[in-house]
Amino acid sequence: FASGGRRAGLWSWEDSAAALPLAMGQRQSSHATVGSFDGPVSQQRVHPDDALVSREAFFDAFRPRAPGEPTALSLLKGSWLRERANQLRAAKQRGDADAVRRLAIARRQEMPEAAFMTADECCELSETIPSHFNRVAAIGGSYCWRTREHPDPEGDSLLALADGLEDIYRKKAEGVGGGYNIYQDFPEDVGIFWDYPCLFQHPPGGKRTEAEERLFQEALGSLEMIYAHQL
């Protein structure tokens, strides 16, 4: 996972239609390597082996460490992203450049609360996935930032991701494959980890607050729960 955009990792938003079903809990190495514009690539701490197979440990990674404190890691609602993409697509068709910039994905601090999925919501959705899949209702992606300041200023990655989700739900509704297949058992909503809106970011021309920096560093140390968890 390259949070600074220097390389793409597990899968690309542009390949989302094909990759999203596979990304649901895809098995990866138990070591997550993290890079960002803030410094060189570094090896982050690795959770105990049992944490990388524990459903509860996965959901705990998205819970606050103290009452009233923001979570270090967060998930976006796939349903929110799909609706946002519809608005963005309409703005592009109108040629409304101001609306396109306004509807592009924002940094964590500027995202509406309604965009986020709680750990409990993700847990409830995961319970709807048949046990033989042994999966959680969450997806983590890796992609290249379009600019140093903003990863997706024109919303192209947002649209590609939403298109992938729409393709899955279309196949689910049409009964593609029938019987035992990932489309029919895909949850009604899914949590999406996207670094820019899900981790605390620097403001334009500035730095994160001390509290935001602490949560950001905590999140970097927990990314293997997204990219290496075996569920």
Protein backbone atom coordinates (compact mmCIF):
# COMPACT_ATOMS: atom_id res chain seq x y z
CA PHE A 1 0.00 0.00 0.00
CA ALA A 2 1.54 3.29 -1.07
CA SER A 3 -0.27 6.15 0.63
CA GLY A 4 2.01 8.67 -1.07
CA GLY A 5 1.17 7.52 -4.57
CA ARG A 6 4.66 6.31 -5.55
CA ARG A 7 3.43 2.89 -6.55
CA ALA A 8 0.24 0.84 -6.73
CA GLY A 9 -0.14 -2.16 -4.48
CA LEU A 10 -2.78 -4.86 -4.11
CA TRP A 11 -5.17 -3.65 -6.76
CA SER A 12 -6.15 -0.57 -8.71
CA TRP A 13 -9.43 1.31 -8.66
CA GLU A 14 -9.25 1.12 -12.45
CA ASP A 15 -9.46 -2.69 -12.22
CA SER A 16 -12.21 -2.51 -9.60
CA ALA A 17 -14.92 -4.39 -11.48
CA ALA A 18 -12.76 -7.48 -11.73
CA ALA A 19 -10.85 -7.06 -8.49
CA LEU A 20 -13.51 -6.10 -5.95
CA PRO A 21 -14.88 -9.63 -5.46
CA LEU A 22 -11.35 -10.95 -4.97
CA ALA A 23 -10.42 -8.13 -2.63
CA MET A 24 -12.98 -9.17 -0.01
CA GLY A 25 -10.58 -10.60 2.53
CA GLN A 26 -7.95 -11.68 0.01
CA ARG A 27 -5.04 -13.38 1.79
CA GLN A 28 -1.81 -11.38 1.82
CA SER A 29 1.54 -11.32 3.63
CA SER A 30 1.43 -10.72 7.38
CA HIS A 31 3.75 -7.70 6.99
CA ALA A 32 2.37 -4.42 5.66
CA THR A 33 4.82 -1.96 4.13
CA VAL A 34 3.72 1.65 4.27
CA GLY A 35 4.95 4.71 2.41
CA SER A 36 3.81 8.33 2.34
CA PHE A 37 5.01 11.78 1.36
CA ASP A 38 5.88 12.31 5.04
CA GLY A 39 8.95 10.10 4.92
CA PRO A 40 10.63 7.00 3.52
CA VAL A 41 8.98 3.63 3.25
CA SER A 42 9.17 1.94 6.63
CA GLN A 43 8.22 -1.38 8.18
CA GLN A 44 5.32 -0.93 10.57
CA ARG A 45 4.59 -3.06 13.62
CA VAL A 46 2.82 -6.34 12.97
CA HIS A 47 -0.03 -7.53 15.13
CA PRO A 48 0.26 -10.93 16.81
CA ASP A 49 -0.47 -13.73 14.39
CA ASP A 50 -3.80 -14.52 16.01
CA ALA A 51 -5.01 -10.96 15.38
CA LEU A 52 -4.65 -11.48 11.63
CA VAL A 53 -7.19 -14.31 11.69
CA SER A 54 -9.54 -12.88 14.33
CA ARG A 55 -12.80 -11.27 13.18
CA GLU A 56 -13.09 -9.29 16.42
CA ALA A 57 -9.54 -7.97 16.08
CA PHE A 58 -10.42 -6.71 12.60
CA PHE A 59 -13.48 -4.81 13.81
CA ASP A 60 -11.62 -3.49 16.87
CA ALA A 61 -9.14 -1.77 14.53
CA PHE A 62 -11.99 0.55 13.48
CA ARG A 63 -13.20 1.37 16.99
CA PRO A 64 -12.08 4.39 19.05
CA ARG A 65 -9.48 3.74 21.73
CA ALA A 66 -11.26 6.01 24.23
CA PRO A 67 -14.85 7.30 24.58
CA GLY A 68 -15.43 10.38 22.48
CA GLU A 69 -12.16 9.98 20.56
CA PRO A 70 -12.12 9.63 16.76
CA THR A 71 -11.07 6.31 15.31
CA ALA A 72 -7.56 6.09 13.89
CA LEU A 73 -8.80 3.95 10.98
CA SER A 74 -12.16 4.44 9.34
CA LEU A 75 -14.24 2.87 6.58
CA LEU A 76 -16.43 4.57 4.01
CA LYS A 77 -19.86 3.23 3.17
CA GLY A 78 -19.94 1.76 -0.31
CA SER A 79 -23.52 3.04 -0.61
CA TRP A 80 -22.37 6.59 0.12
CA LEU A 81 -19.61 6.35 -2.49
CA ARG A 82 -22.08 5.11 -5.10
CA GLU A 83 -24.44 8.02 -4.46
CA ARG A 84 -21.57 10.51 -4.46
CA ALA A 85 -20.40 9.09 -7.78
CA ASN A 86 -23.88 9.61 -9.26
CA GLN A 87 -23.76 13.28 -8.26
CA LEU A 88 -20.22 13.65 -9.58
CA ARG A 89 -21.08 12.01 -12.90
CA ALA A 90 -24.04 14.38 -13.33
CA ALA A 91 -21.79 17.39 -12.59
CA LYS A 92 -19.28 16.22 -15.20
CA GLN A 93 -22.04 15.82 -17.77
CA ARG A 94 -23.21 19.38 -17.05
CA GLY A 95 -19.65 20.65 -17.36
CA ASP A 96 -19.87 22.12 -13.85
CA ALA A 97 -16.20 22.32 -12.84
CA ASP A 98 -16.97 23.87 -9.43
CA ALA A 99 -19.34 21.03 -8.55
CA VAL A 100 -16.80 18.45 -9.70
CA ARG A 101 -14.17 19.89 -7.34
CA ARG A 102 -16.70 20.05 -4.52
CA LEU A 103 -17.85 16.45 -5.05
CA ALA A 104 -14.35 14.97 -5.36
CA ILE A 105 -13.36 12.90 -2.34
CA ALA A 106 -12.20 15.02 0.60
CA ARG A 107 -9.58 14.48 3.28
CA ARG A 108 -10.74 12.73 6.44
CA GLN A 109 -11.24 15.93 8.42
CA GLU A 110 -13.64 17.33 5.81
CA MET A 111 -15.73 14.23 5.15
CA PRO A 112 -19.36 14.16 6.33
CA GLU A 113 -20.08 11.80 9.21
CA ALA A 114 -22.75 10.08 7.10
CA ALA A 115 -20.02 8.80 4.75
CA PHE A 116 -18.47 6.54 7.38
CA MET A 117 -19.36 2.98 8.35
CA THR A 118 -18.92 2.05 12.00
CA ALA A 119 -17.23 -1.14 13.15
CA ASP A 120 -20.57 -2.43 14.43
CA GLU A 121 -22.25 -1.75 11.08
CA CYS A 122 -19.48 -3.59 9.26
CA CYS A 123 -19.78 -6.48 11.72
CA GLU A 124 -23.54 -6.75 11.13
CA LEU A 125 -23.05 -6.76 7.35
CA SER A 126 -20.34 -9.39 7.68
CA GLU A 127 -22.79 -11.67 9.46
CA THR A 128 -24.90 -11.74 6.29
CA ILE A 129 -22.06 -13.28 4.24
CA PRO A 130 -22.39 -17.10 4.16
CA SER A 131 -19.87 -18.68 6.49
CA HIS A 132 -18.28 -20.78 3.75
CA PHE A 133 -16.77 -17.59 2.30
CA ASN A 134 -15.12 -16.74 5.63
CA ARG A 135 -15.03 -13.04 4.76
CA VAL A 136 -15.75 -9.62 6.26
CA ALA A 137 -17.75 -6.89 4.53
CA ALA A 138 -14.77 -4.63 3.91
CA ILE A 139 -12.44 -3.84 1.02
CA GLY A 140 -9.02 -2.20 1.04
CA GLY A 141 -7.52 -0.76 -2.13
CA SER A 142 -4.27 0.70 -3.36
CA TYR A 143 -3.89 3.21 -6.16
CA CYS A 144 -1.68 6.01 -7.46
CA TRP A 145 -2.33 9.57 -6.36
CA ARG A 146 -3.02 11.89 -9.32
CA THR A 147 -1.29 14.86 -7.68
CA ARG A 148 0.88 15.41 -4.60
CA GLU A 149 -1.81 17.59 -3.01
CA HIS A 150 -4.90 15.52 -3.81
CA PRO A 151 -5.14 11.89 -4.96
CA ASP A 152 -8.24 12.30 -7.11
CA PRO A 153 -9.04 15.97 -7.84
CA GLU A 154 -11.30 15.23 -10.81
CA GLY A 155 -13.04 12.25 -9.24
CA ASP A 156 -11.85 9.70 -11.81
CA SER A 157 -10.82 7.12 -9.20
CA LEU A 158 -14.08 7.66 -7.32
CA LEU A 159 -16.06 6.95 -10.48
CA ALA A 160 -13.98 3.87 -11.31
CA LEU A 161 -14.52 2.46 -7.83
CA ALA A 162 -18.25 3.19 -7.92
CA ASP A 163 -18.49 1.58 -11.37
CA GLY A 164 -16.94 -1.58 -9.96
CA LEU A 165 -19.46 -1.66 -7.12
CA GLU A 166 -22.36 -0.97 -9.47
CA ASP A 167 -21.24 -3.85 -11.68
CA ILE A 168 -21.26 -6.21 -8.70
CA TYR A 169 -24.71 -5.13 -7.55
CA ARG A 170 -26.07 -5.36 -11.11
CA LYS A 171 -24.83 -8.94 -11.34
CA LYS A 172 -26.26 -9.65 -7.89
CA ALA A 173 -29.69 -8.31 -8.94
CA GLU A 174 -29.64 -10.19 -12.25
CA GLY A 175 -28.65 -13.46 -10.61
CA VAL A 176 -25.50 -13.77 -12.70
CA GLY A 177 -23.90 -17.15 -12.14
CA GLY A 178 -26.73 -18.42 -9.95
CA GLY A 179 -26.31 -20.53 -6.84
CA TYR A 180 -22.83 -20.59 -5.34
CA ASN A 181 -21.14 -17.38 -6.49
CA ILE A 182 -19.70 -14.26 -4.92
CA TYR A 183 -22.17 -11.88 -6.58
CA GLN A 184 -25.25 -13.39 -4.95
CA ASP A 185 -23.63 -13.40 -1.54
CA PHE A 186 -22.06 -9.94 -1.76
CA PRO A 187 -23.39 -7.88 1.21
CA GLU A 188 -25.98 -5.14 0.75
CA ASP A 189 -23.34 -2.58 1.68
CA VAL A 190 -19.59 -2.79 2.18
CA GLY A 191 -16.93 -0.82 4.04
CA ILE A 192 -14.24 0.75 1.86
CA PHE A 193 -10.81 1.75 3.11
CA TRP A 194 -9.43 4.63 1.03
CA ASP A 195 -6.42 6.36 2.56
CA TYR A 196 -7.25 10.02 1.81
CA PRO A 197 -10.76 10.12 3.33
CA CYS A 198 -10.08 7.42 5.94
CA LEU A 199 -6.84 8.68 7.53
CA PHE A 200 -6.17 12.10 9.01
CA GLN A 201 -4.39 14.22 6.39
CA HIS A 202 -2.32 17.39 6.38
CA PRO A 203 -4.34 20.51 5.46
CA PRO A 204 -3.22 22.38 2.34
CA GLY A 205 0.06 24.09 3.15
CA GLY A 206 -0.03 22.97 6.77
CA LYS A 207 0.39 20.08 9.17
CA ARG A 208 -1.90 17.75 11.07
CA THR A 209 -2.69 18.75 14.66
CA GLU A 210 -0.84 16.89 17.41
CA ALA A 211 -3.93 14.75 18.07
CA GLU A 212 -4.41 14.03 14.37
CA GLU A 213 -0.75 13.09 13.98
CA ARG A 214 -0.98 10.64 16.89
CA LEU A 215 -4.04 8.97 15.31
CA PHE A 216 -2.38 8.95 11.90
CA GLN A 217 0.70 7.17 13.26
CA GLU A 218 -1.53 4.70 15.12
CA ALA A 219 -3.36 3.99 11.87
CA LEU A 220 -0.11 3.37 9.98
CA GLY A 221 0.78 0.78 12.58
CA SER A 222 -2.51 -1.03 11.99
CA LEU A 223 -2.73 -1.18 8.20
CA GLU A 224 -1.91 -4.88 8.15
CA MET A 225 -5.38 -5.39 9.63
CA ILE A 226 -6.67 -4.27 6.23
CA TYR A 227 -4.07 -5.62 3.84
CA ALA A 228 -2.84 -8.76 5.58
CA HIS A 229 -5.87 -9.97 7.55
CA GLN A 230 -6.84 -13.46 6.42
CA LEU A 231 -10.58 -12.82 6.59
